[in-house]
Amino acid sequence: MSFIAPLEHHNVTCHYDEATSIAYITYRGQLDAAASTIAYDWLAVVNETVGVPYGEVFDFRLVTQFMQDNLLEARKKSRRRNLRSDVHQFPVAMIVKDPYQEEILRGPMQIVPENPRKAIVHTPEEALAFIRAWHERHDETNLAPEDEA
């Protein structure tokens, strides 16, 4: 197995769970463009090291403010990643704490019915359930290691 070093920064932490092949990104405090850049650069390492993850979970519950430069940078980084990688092979769950965060993320992150691989959820359990359900609907053969019998 490949080891991917966790990332610790003052307003973003990232870790890759090798047992489930899920990348976890947790933001906190004032979320600015620097945090998005750090997280997306770390995700590029995940893709280069292990290829396509089983899923990604972005946790925004500890964010106190979404800085304007972050929304622009996150959208730009996400679009660039979409063009460079086959991101349609895995789901992305975004955990929010309230309707305000949900509304802020819905537009820039293209969380719309036409993009069913992304979902806004409210708990880590909902995030994992969404990821598993997405795989059940889209790729019966792509099971996470913990789901294999």
Protein backbone atom coordinates (compact mmCIF):
# COMPACT_ATOMS: atom_id res chain seq x y z
CA MET A 1 0.00 0.00 0.00
CA SER A 2 1.05 3.55 -0.64
CA PHE A 3 1.41 5.91 2.26
CA ILE A 4 -0.05 9.38 1.82
CA ALA A 5 1.06 11.81 4.48
CA PRO A 6 -1.72 13.65 6.27
CA LEU A 7 -1.70 17.42 5.93
CA GLU A 8 -2.01 19.82 8.86
CA HIS A 9 -2.50 23.54 8.27
CA HIS A 10 -4.05 26.20 10.49
CA ASN A 11 -7.38 26.07 8.63
CA VAL A 12 -7.35 22.77 6.74
CA THR A 13 -6.45 19.19 7.59
CA CYS A 14 -6.42 16.32 5.14
CA HIS A 15 -5.96 12.60 5.52
CA TYR A 16 -6.40 9.55 3.35
CA ASP A 17 -7.95 6.45 4.87
CA GLU A 18 -6.22 3.55 3.13
CA ALA A 19 -8.70 1.01 4.50
CA THR A 20 -11.65 2.68 2.77
CA SER A 21 -9.80 4.61 0.03
CA ILE A 22 -11.56 7.81 1.08
CA ALA A 23 -9.89 11.22 1.22
CA TYR A 24 -11.03 13.48 4.07
CA ILE A 25 -10.61 17.27 3.98
CA THR A 26 -11.67 19.31 7.02
CA TYR A 27 -11.75 23.10 6.86
CA ARG A 28 -12.03 25.44 9.86
CA GLY A 29 -12.02 29.13 10.72
CA GLN A 30 -11.88 31.68 7.93
CA LEU A 31 -11.71 29.67 4.74
CA ASP A 32 -9.52 31.48 2.24
CA ALA A 33 -7.93 30.73 -1.14
CA ALA A 34 -4.72 29.50 0.46
CA ALA A 35 -6.59 26.70 2.25
CA SER A 36 -8.30 25.61 -0.97
CA THR A 37 -5.01 25.60 -2.83
CA ILE A 38 -3.35 23.51 -0.12
CA ALA A 39 -6.22 21.01 -0.09
CA TYR A 40 -6.39 20.64 -3.88
CA ASP A 41 -2.61 20.25 -4.11
CA TRP A 42 -2.83 17.48 -1.50
CA LEU A 43 -5.65 15.83 -3.47
CA ALA A 44 -3.41 15.88 -6.56
CA VAL A 45 -0.87 13.83 -4.57
CA VAL A 46 -3.64 11.38 -3.64
CA ASN A 47 -4.55 10.98 -7.32
CA GLU A 48 -0.91 10.56 -8.37
CA THR A 49 -0.27 8.01 -5.61
CA VAL A 50 -3.40 5.85 -5.55
CA GLY A 51 -5.33 6.91 -8.64
CA VAL A 52 -9.06 7.26 -8.21
CA PRO A 53 -10.24 7.29 -4.58
CA TYR A 54 -13.43 5.53 -3.51
CA GLY A 55 -14.69 8.97 -2.50
CA GLU A 56 -13.91 12.33 -0.96
CA VAL A 57 -15.44 13.97 2.09
CA PHE A 58 -15.12 17.72 2.56
CA ASP A 59 -16.17 18.85 6.04
CA PHE A 60 -17.11 22.54 6.35
CA ARG A 61 -18.81 22.45 9.76
CA LEU A 62 -15.98 24.28 11.55
CA VAL A 63 -15.78 27.09 8.98
CA THR A 64 -16.70 30.45 10.50
CA GLN A 65 -16.45 32.50 7.31
CA PHE A 66 -16.11 31.78 3.60
CA MET A 67 -13.77 34.40 2.20
CA GLN A 68 -14.63 35.61 -1.31
CA ASP A 69 -11.21 34.63 -2.69
CA ASN A 70 -11.80 31.06 -1.49
CA LEU A 71 -15.01 30.59 -3.45
CA LEU A 72 -13.32 31.75 -6.64
CA GLU A 73 -10.15 29.73 -6.06
CA ALA A 74 -12.00 26.57 -5.05
CA ARG A 75 -14.12 26.70 -8.19
CA LYS A 76 -11.03 27.29 -10.35
CA LYS A 77 -9.08 24.44 -8.72
CA SER A 78 -12.07 22.12 -8.95
CA ARG A 79 -12.57 22.89 -12.64
CA ARG A 80 -8.86 22.37 -13.37
CA ARG A 81 -8.91 19.06 -11.52
CA ASN A 82 -12.01 17.98 -13.43
CA LEU A 83 -10.17 18.61 -16.71
CA ARG A 84 -6.97 16.80 -15.67
CA SER A 85 -8.46 13.76 -13.94
CA ASP A 86 -11.40 11.46 -14.49
CA VAL A 87 -13.26 12.71 -11.45
CA HIS A 88 -16.55 11.24 -12.64
CA GLN A 89 -15.45 7.87 -11.23
CA PHE A 90 -15.93 8.84 -7.58
CA PRO A 91 -18.44 10.69 -5.39
CA VAL A 92 -17.84 13.78 -3.28
CA ALA A 93 -19.76 14.50 -0.07
CA MET A 94 -19.70 17.97 1.50
CA ILE A 95 -20.67 18.14 5.17
CA VAL A 96 -22.26 21.42 6.26
CA LYS A 97 -23.60 22.62 9.59
CA ASP A 98 -26.48 24.82 8.45
CA PRO A 99 -28.54 26.12 5.50
CA TYR A 100 -26.22 29.13 5.15
CA GLN A 101 -23.20 26.93 4.41
CA GLU A 102 -25.31 24.79 2.12
CA GLU A 103 -26.38 27.78 0.05
CA ILE A 104 -22.83 29.14 -0.17
CA LEU A 105 -21.50 25.83 -1.52
CA ARG A 106 -24.36 24.85 -3.82
CA GLY A 107 -23.56 27.26 -6.69
CA PRO A 108 -19.76 27.41 -6.86
CA MET A 109 -19.34 23.66 -6.32
CA GLN A 110 -22.05 22.79 -8.88
CA ILE A 111 -24.19 20.79 -6.49
CA VAL A 112 -27.18 20.39 -8.77
CA PRO A 113 -29.36 17.44 -9.80
CA GLU A 114 -27.45 17.22 -13.09
CA ASN A 115 -24.28 16.45 -11.12
CA PRO A 116 -25.26 13.46 -8.95
CA ARG A 117 -21.71 12.59 -7.88
CA LYS A 118 -21.70 15.55 -5.46
CA ALA A 119 -23.97 15.90 -2.45
CA ILE A 120 -24.43 18.14 0.53
CA VAL A 121 -24.90 16.20 3.75
CA HIS A 122 -25.03 17.08 7.44
CA THR A 123 -23.09 14.32 9.21
CA PRO A 124 -20.09 12.07 8.56
CA GLU A 125 -22.46 9.10 8.59
CA GLU A 126 -24.56 10.67 5.82
CA ALA A 127 -21.35 11.33 3.85
CA LEU A 128 -20.32 7.67 3.98
CA ALA A 129 -23.86 6.51 3.18
CA PHE A 130 -23.93 8.80 0.14
CA ILE A 131 -20.57 7.49 -1.10
CA ARG A 132 -21.64 3.86 -0.70
CA ALA A 133 -25.03 4.47 -2.35
CA TRP A 134 -23.37 6.30 -5.25
CA HIS A 135 -21.12 3.31 -5.90
CA GLU A 136 -24.05 0.90 -5.66
CA ARG A 137 -25.81 2.90 -8.38
CA HIS A 138 -22.81 3.60 -10.63
CA ASP A 139 -20.26 0.83 -10.37
CA GLU A 140 -21.17 -2.48 -8.81
CA THR A 141 -17.63 -3.77 -9.38
CA ASN A 142 -15.80 -0.93 -7.60
CA LEU A 143 -16.06 -1.97 -3.96
CA ALA A 144 -14.14 -0.39 -1.13
CA PRO A 145 -11.79 -2.81 0.65
CA GLU A 146 -14.04 -2.92 3.74
CA ASP A 147 -17.02 -3.96 1.58
CA GLU A 148 -15.28 -6.93 0.02
CA ALA A 149 -16.13 -10.28 1.56
